[in-house]
Amino acid sequence: MSTQRMTFAKAINTGLRAALERDPKVMLMGEDIGALGGVFRVTDGLAKDFGTDRVVDTPLAESGIVGTAIGLALRGYRPVCEIQFDGFIFPAFDQITTQLSKMHYRSRGRLNLPVVIRVPFGGGIGAVEHHSESPEVLFAHTAGLRVVSPSDPQDAYTMIQQAVASPDPVMFFEPKGRYWEKGDVDTDADALAAASVLDGARVLRPGTDVTLVAHGPTVATALRVADAAAAEGRSVEVVDLRTISPLDITTVAASVRRTGRCVVVHEAPVLYGTGAEVAARVTEECFYHLEAPVLRVGGFHTPYPVAKLEHEYLPGLDRVLDAVDRVLAS
């Protein structure tokens, strides 16, 4: 096994490179992804190695990017679109939710649209307005889309390749605040031969007292919470959702049946968020095992704040630990 230490961004770059090498119908599209390599340098070097016919710098028009990708997919290509920042995705919302998500259903299964839309999302970078959104639940609410979010470099490397190979349209949410964090990546492993991780949660850390459910950028926060709780004699089990739609409630419910308590954390506002769906499903599946109500920790129901207030908005160690304390006190 060849394991390399690389950043989250480099892991996605390496996975995209493998997908481009594997299938000549794979192509990348987005604003400044070619010569510049993207604003986060995730596509760095790919235009040089695969050419500008396959790594395409597009106009600043998100609706046009996704609309073009839909047409290319109908002609047999596998486009991977980059939305430069999460808050820029809304001009493409119509194309994604009324065309991309529905074509397979509309054609009674005769047409597939294997389009991946990469979305750097979440906070933690001190950016200005429209650059730190967490809109994943808007797309999870739309039938016909896979909505996934890796939390570490190994999953990023594997999941981007599986997303490109999927016959379904995939919304691929990348926690931009984690782009520069490093982890071990097995680059020799065949990502397509491995079991699919596009629809399966995983238990990252076993525990006995409370289940802490997270995805994307908050998984690292959840692991820090588990460490802090362990120092105080409490055992926290951390579940990484990986996928928001479809939701792997089986793995989550199995964990909650063991622990009897559940806290869900995400950066998006708590109101109507992913945590609401997880809490409802856990309550339905595990009602007689719960020792306390399911609690949610997330952003507030306000527009994303200016950079100097970001640390107050994002669910950090103290706020999540407080929720853990409250469920254990019930």
Protein backbone atom coordinates (compact mmCIF):
# COMPACT_ATOMS: atom_id res chain seq x y z
CA MET A 1 0.00 0.00 0.00
CA SER A 2 1.34 3.41 -0.98
CA THR A 3 0.21 5.96 1.59
CA GLN A 4 0.93 9.63 1.00
CA ARG A 5 0.49 12.54 3.37
CA MET A 6 -1.47 15.25 1.58
CA THR A 7 -3.86 18.12 2.15
CA PHE A 8 -7.60 17.82 1.65
CA ALA A 9 -7.34 19.99 -1.48
CA LYS A 10 -4.52 17.87 -2.91
CA ALA A 11 -6.51 14.69 -2.24
CA ILE A 12 -9.39 16.01 -4.37
CA ASN A 13 -6.91 17.10 -7.04
CA THR A 14 -5.37 13.62 -7.07
CA GLY A 15 -8.79 11.99 -7.25
CA LEU A 16 -9.82 14.22 -10.15
CA ARG A 17 -6.57 13.39 -11.92
CA ALA A 18 -7.30 9.66 -11.54
CA ALA A 19 -10.83 10.18 -12.93
CA LEU A 20 -9.51 12.14 -15.93
CA GLU A 21 -6.95 9.43 -16.65
CA ARG A 22 -9.49 6.64 -16.30
CA ASP A 23 -12.19 8.00 -18.61
CA PRO A 24 -11.66 10.34 -21.60
CA LYS A 25 -15.29 11.48 -21.27
CA VAL A 26 -14.58 13.12 -17.90
CA MET A 27 -14.08 16.87 -18.13
CA LEU A 28 -13.85 19.72 -15.62
CA MET A 29 -15.63 23.07 -15.92
CA GLY A 30 -15.57 26.19 -13.79
CA GLU A 31 -14.46 29.73 -13.20
CA ASP A 32 -10.65 30.11 -13.14
CA ILE A 33 -10.06 26.37 -12.76
CA GLY A 34 -7.62 26.15 -15.69
CA ALA A 35 -4.43 28.19 -15.69
CA LEU A 36 -5.08 29.51 -12.18
CA GLY A 37 -6.01 26.10 -10.79
CA GLY A 38 -9.08 27.47 -8.99
CA VAL A 39 -9.18 30.03 -6.19
CA PHE A 40 -8.28 27.26 -3.73
CA ARG A 41 -5.85 25.61 -6.22
CA VAL A 42 -7.84 22.35 -6.10
CA THR A 43 -7.49 21.88 -9.89
CA ASP A 44 -3.87 23.06 -10.01
CA GLY A 45 -1.88 21.50 -12.87
CA LEU A 46 -4.80 19.62 -14.43
CA ALA A 47 -5.26 21.98 -17.41
CA LYS A 48 -1.54 21.72 -18.16
CA ASP A 49 -1.63 17.92 -18.16
CA PHE A 50 -5.03 17.26 -19.77
CA GLY A 51 -5.52 20.31 -21.95
CA THR A 52 -8.03 23.12 -22.05
CA ASP A 53 -10.58 21.00 -23.92
CA ARG A 54 -10.98 18.87 -20.80
CA VAL A 55 -10.29 21.45 -18.08
CA VAL A 56 -12.40 24.36 -19.24
CA ASP A 57 -12.34 27.91 -17.90
CA THR A 58 -15.93 29.11 -18.13
CA PRO A 59 -17.55 32.55 -18.07
CA LEU A 60 -18.74 33.86 -14.70
CA ALA A 61 -22.20 32.37 -15.16
CA GLU A 62 -23.18 29.53 -12.84
CA SER A 63 -26.48 28.82 -14.60
CA GLY A 64 -24.59 28.55 -17.88
CA ILE A 65 -22.01 26.21 -16.36
CA VAL A 66 -24.62 23.77 -15.08
CA GLY A 67 -26.84 24.09 -18.17
CA THR A 68 -23.87 23.31 -20.41
CA ALA A 69 -22.95 20.36 -18.19
CA ILE A 70 -26.45 18.95 -18.56
CA GLY A 71 -26.16 19.10 -22.35
CA LEU A 72 -22.72 17.48 -22.27
CA ALA A 73 -24.00 14.69 -20.01
CA LEU A 74 -26.83 14.01 -22.47
CA ARG A 75 -24.14 13.56 -25.14
CA GLY A 76 -22.22 11.00 -23.09
CA TYR A 77 -19.73 13.15 -21.18
CA ARG A 78 -19.14 13.18 -17.42
CA PRO A 79 -18.78 16.87 -16.50
CA VAL A 80 -17.43 17.93 -13.12
CA CYS A 81 -18.46 21.53 -12.42
CA GLU A 82 -16.84 23.75 -9.82
CA ILE A 83 -18.93 26.46 -8.19
CA GLN A 84 -16.25 28.87 -7.04
CA PHE A 85 -17.91 29.68 -3.70
CA ASP A 86 -21.00 28.23 -2.01
CA GLY A 87 -22.91 31.51 -2.12
CA PHE A 88 -22.49 31.69 -5.90
CA ILE A 89 -24.55 28.54 -6.50
CA PHE A 90 -27.94 30.23 -6.41
CA PRO A 91 -27.94 31.48 -10.03
CA ALA A 92 -27.66 27.77 -10.93
CA PHE A 93 -30.37 26.67 -8.51
CA ASP A 94 -33.02 26.49 -11.21
CA GLN A 95 -30.88 24.34 -13.52
CA ILE A 96 -29.96 22.00 -10.65
CA THR A 97 -33.38 21.56 -9.08
CA THR A 98 -35.68 21.68 -12.13
CA GLN A 99 -33.51 20.05 -14.80
CA LEU A 100 -30.52 18.14 -13.42
CA SER A 101 -32.45 16.47 -10.60
CA LYS A 102 -35.49 15.53 -12.67
CA MET A 103 -34.23 14.33 -16.04
CA HIS A 104 -33.92 10.67 -15.06
CA TYR A 105 -37.45 10.65 -13.62
CA ARG A 106 -38.88 12.71 -16.47
CA SER A 107 -37.47 10.26 -19.06
CA ARG A 108 -38.77 7.22 -17.13
CA GLY A 109 -35.22 6.07 -16.49
CA ARG A 110 -34.02 6.29 -20.09
CA LEU A 111 -31.65 9.22 -19.47
CA ASN A 112 -28.91 9.61 -16.90
CA LEU A 113 -27.10 12.83 -16.08
CA PRO A 114 -23.75 11.88 -14.50
CA VAL A 115 -22.86 15.43 -13.48
CA VAL A 116 -20.82 16.27 -10.37
CA ILE A 117 -21.10 19.76 -8.92
CA ARG A 118 -18.23 20.58 -6.58
CA VAL A 119 -19.12 23.21 -3.98
CA PRO A 120 -16.55 24.63 -1.53
CA PHE A 121 -18.84 25.31 1.43
CA GLY A 122 -18.90 26.38 5.06
CA GLY A 123 -17.02 28.94 7.09
CA GLY A 124 -13.73 29.28 8.85
CA ILE A 125 -11.82 31.35 6.29
CA GLY A 126 -12.81 34.87 7.32
CA ALA A 127 -14.45 35.64 3.99
CA VAL A 128 -16.89 38.34 2.95
CA GLU A 129 -20.63 37.93 2.29
CA HIS A 130 -21.71 35.08 -0.05
CA HIS A 131 -18.44 33.18 0.53
CA SER A 132 -19.29 31.08 3.61
CA GLU A 133 -22.72 29.57 3.07
CA SER A 134 -23.89 26.06 3.99
CA PRO A 135 -26.73 25.41 1.51
CA GLU A 136 -26.50 21.60 1.43
CA VAL A 137 -29.98 20.98 2.89
CA LEU A 138 -31.62 22.92 0.04
CA PHE A 139 -30.36 20.29 -2.38
CA ALA A 140 -30.94 17.35 -0.04
CA HIS A 141 -34.61 18.41 -0.04
CA THR A 142 -34.67 17.97 -3.83
CA ALA A 143 -35.35 14.40 -4.94
CA GLY A 144 -33.01 13.08 -7.63
CA LEU A 145 -29.72 14.45 -6.29
CA ARG A 146 -27.03 12.76 -4.26
CA VAL A 147 -25.66 15.18 -1.67
CA VAL A 148 -22.35 14.18 -0.10
CA SER A 149 -19.55 15.78 1.91
CA PRO A 150 -16.19 14.19 2.75
CA SER A 151 -14.51 15.08 6.02
CA ASP A 152 -10.91 13.97 5.54
CA PRO A 153 -8.39 13.59 2.69
CA GLN A 154 -8.83 9.82 2.26
CA ASP A 155 -12.59 10.13 1.87
CA ALA A 156 -12.15 13.15 -0.38
CA TYR A 157 -9.87 11.13 -2.69
CA THR A 158 -12.21 8.13 -2.78
CA MET A 159 -15.54 9.93 -2.86
CA ILE A 160 -14.70 12.32 -5.71
CA GLN A 161 -13.81 9.37 -7.93
CA GLN A 162 -16.96 7.47 -6.96
CA ALA A 163 -19.02 10.61 -7.56
CA VAL A 164 -17.60 11.03 -11.07
CA ALA A 165 -18.30 7.36 -11.84
CA SER A 166 -21.86 7.51 -10.48
CA PRO A 167 -24.76 7.54 -12.97
CA ASP A 168 -26.55 10.02 -10.68
CA PRO A 169 -26.05 13.78 -10.38
CA VAL A 170 -23.93 14.41 -7.28
CA MET A 171 -23.66 17.58 -5.22
CA PHE A 172 -20.15 17.32 -3.77
CA PHE A 173 -19.78 19.68 -0.82
CA GLU A 174 -16.15 20.33 0.14
CA PRO A 175 -15.43 21.92 3.56
CA LYS A 176 -13.25 24.79 2.42
CA GLY A 177 -12.06 25.53 5.94
CA ARG A 178 -10.40 22.10 5.96
CA TYR A 179 -8.68 22.35 2.55
CA TRP A 180 -5.21 22.76 4.07
CA GLU A 181 -5.47 20.04 6.73
CA LYS A 182 -3.38 16.97 6.03
CA GLY A 183 -4.08 13.25 6.28
CA ASP A 184 -2.90 9.89 4.97
CA VAL A 185 -4.24 8.86 1.56
CA ASP A 186 -3.82 5.41 0.00
CA THR A 187 -3.36 6.34 -3.65
CA ASP A 188 -2.82 2.73 -4.73
CA ALA A 189 -6.30 1.66 -3.70
CA ASP A 190 -8.81 1.37 -6.54
CA ALA A 191 -11.52 3.83 -5.50
CA LEU A 192 -14.05 2.26 -7.85
CA ALA A 193 -13.36 -1.30 -6.68
CA ALA A 194 -13.88 -0.29 -3.06
CA ALA A 195 -17.30 -0.39 -1.45
CA SER A 196 -19.27 2.75 -2.23
CA VAL A 197 -19.03 5.42 0.44
CA LEU A 198 -21.49 7.73 -1.31
CA ASP A 199 -24.44 6.45 0.70
CA GLY A 200 -22.92 5.15 3.92
CA ALA A 201 -22.12 6.83 7.23
CA ARG A 202 -19.23 5.60 9.37
CA VAL A 203 -18.44 5.43 13.06
CA LEU A 204 -15.17 7.34 13.37
CA ARG A 205 -14.80 6.94 17.11
CA PRO A 206 -16.66 4.41 19.27
CA GLY A 207 -18.30 5.50 22.50
CA THR A 208 -20.93 4.44 25.00
CA ASP A 209 -22.55 7.56 26.50
CA VAL A 210 -23.76 9.73 23.60
CA THR A 211 -23.78 9.69 19.79
CA LEU A 212 -22.43 12.84 18.13
CA VAL A 213 -23.47 13.09 14.45
CA ALA A 214 -21.63 15.43 12.08
CA HIS A 215 -20.70 15.87 8.43
CA GLY A 216 -18.10 17.78 6.43
CA PRO A 217 -16.37 20.56 8.39
CA THR A 218 -17.93 19.70 11.76
CA VAL A 219 -16.53 16.16 11.89
CA ALA A 220 -13.15 17.48 13.05
CA THR A 221 -14.98 19.56 15.68
CA ALA A 222 -16.87 16.46 16.83
CA LEU A 223 -13.62 14.52 17.27
CA ARG A 224 -12.18 17.37 19.37
CA VAL A 225 -15.33 17.30 21.49
CA ALA A 226 -14.93 13.55 21.99
CA ASP A 227 -11.34 14.08 23.16
CA ALA A 228 -12.38 16.83 25.57
CA ALA A 229 -15.27 14.73 26.91
CA ALA A 230 -12.98 11.73 27.41
CA ALA A 231 -10.73 13.86 29.62
CA GLU A 232 -13.78 14.36 31.86
CA GLY A 233 -14.70 10.68 31.90
CA ARG A 234 -17.47 10.74 29.27
CA SER A 235 -17.50 8.47 26.23
CA VAL A 236 -18.69 10.08 22.96
CA GLU A 237 -19.29 8.08 19.78
CA VAL A 238 -18.68 10.15 16.63
CA VAL A 239 -20.63 9.33 13.46
CA ASP A 240 -19.60 10.94 10.16
CA LEU A 241 -22.67 11.07 7.92
CA ARG A 242 -20.59 11.40 4.71
CA THR A 243 -23.85 11.62 2.78
CA ILE A 244 -26.80 13.87 3.51
CA SER A 245 -28.98 12.40 0.77
CA PRO A 246 -29.54 9.51 0.84
CA LEU A 247 -29.31 9.54 4.62
CA ASP A 248 -27.80 6.42 6.20
CA ILE A 249 -30.14 6.33 9.18
CA THR A 250 -29.32 2.65 9.77
CA THR A 251 -25.79 3.42 10.97
CA VAL A 252 -26.93 6.43 13.01
CA ALA A 253 -29.80 4.54 14.64
CA ALA A 254 -27.60 1.57 15.52
CA SER A 255 -25.25 3.96 17.33
CA VAL A 256 -28.07 5.72 19.19
CA ARG A 257 -29.53 2.39 20.33
CA ARG A 258 -26.16 1.68 21.95
CA THR A 259 -25.72 5.08 23.60
CA GLY A 260 -29.29 6.20 24.25
CA ARG A 261 -28.46 9.83 23.49
CA CYS A 262 -27.83 11.89 20.35
CA VAL A 263 -26.46 15.32 19.44
CA VAL A 264 -26.31 16.53 15.81
CA VAL A 265 -23.95 19.31 14.73
CA HIS A 266 -23.60 21.25 11.47
CA GLU A 267 -22.53 24.73 10.40
CA ALA A 268 -25.80 25.58 8.63
CA PRO A 269 -28.55 27.24 10.68
CA VAL A 270 -30.24 24.82 13.08
CA LEU A 271 -33.72 25.83 11.93
CA TYR A 272 -34.89 23.43 9.17
CA GLY A 273 -31.35 22.04 8.85
CA THR A 274 -29.93 18.56 8.30
CA GLY A 275 -30.02 18.06 12.06
CA ALA A 276 -33.81 18.41 12.04
CA GLU A 277 -34.14 15.46 9.66
CA VAL A 278 -31.63 13.38 11.62
CA ALA A 279 -33.40 14.18 14.89
CA ALA A 280 -36.80 13.26 13.46
CA ARG A 281 -35.56 9.98 12.01
CA VAL A 282 -33.68 9.05 15.18
CA THR A 283 -36.80 9.76 17.24
CA GLU A 284 -38.87 7.55 14.94
CA GLU A 285 -36.35 4.70 14.88
CA CYS A 286 -35.03 4.84 18.45
CA PHE A 287 -37.86 6.27 20.55
CA TYR A 288 -37.78 3.53 23.18
CA HIS A 289 -33.99 3.65 23.43
CA LEU A 290 -33.64 7.40 23.97
CA GLU A 291 -32.74 8.59 27.46
CA ALA A 292 -32.95 12.28 26.46
CA PRO A 293 -34.26 14.45 23.61
CA VAL A 294 -32.10 14.70 20.50
CA LEU A 295 -30.26 18.04 20.54
CA ARG A 296 -29.00 20.10 17.60
CA VAL A 297 -26.08 22.52 17.46
CA GLY A 298 -25.43 24.73 14.45
CA GLY A 299 -25.44 28.21 13.03
CA PHE A 300 -28.04 30.81 13.92
CA HIS A 301 -31.04 31.80 11.79
CA THR A 302 -29.33 34.90 10.46
CA PRO A 303 -27.35 35.77 7.36
CA TYR A 304 -23.73 34.65 7.70
CA PRO A 305 -21.92 37.27 9.79
CA VAL A 306 -18.88 39.38 9.07
CA ALA A 307 -15.51 37.72 9.61
CA LYS A 308 -14.86 39.12 13.08
CA LEU A 309 -18.07 37.48 14.37
CA GLU A 310 -17.59 34.17 12.59
CA HIS A 311 -16.29 32.39 15.69
CA GLU A 312 -19.52 33.29 17.49
CA TYR A 313 -21.68 31.91 14.68
CA LEU A 314 -19.96 28.58 14.02
CA PRO A 315 -20.60 25.64 16.36
CA GLY A 316 -17.33 25.32 18.26
CA LEU A 317 -16.00 23.10 21.00
CA ASP A 318 -17.76 24.87 23.88
CA ARG A 319 -21.23 24.94 22.31
CA VAL A 320 -21.12 21.28 21.31
CA LEU A 321 -19.74 20.21 24.69
CA ASP A 322 -22.58 22.10 26.36
CA ALA A 323 -25.09 20.08 24.32
CA VAL A 324 -23.32 16.85 25.29
CA ASP A 325 -23.52 17.91 28.96
CA ARG A 326 -27.23 18.67 28.64
CA VAL A 327 -28.18 15.30 27.11
CA LEU A 328 -26.12 13.47 29.71
CA ALA A 329 -27.81 15.42 32.50
CA SER A 330 -31.28 14.44 31.29
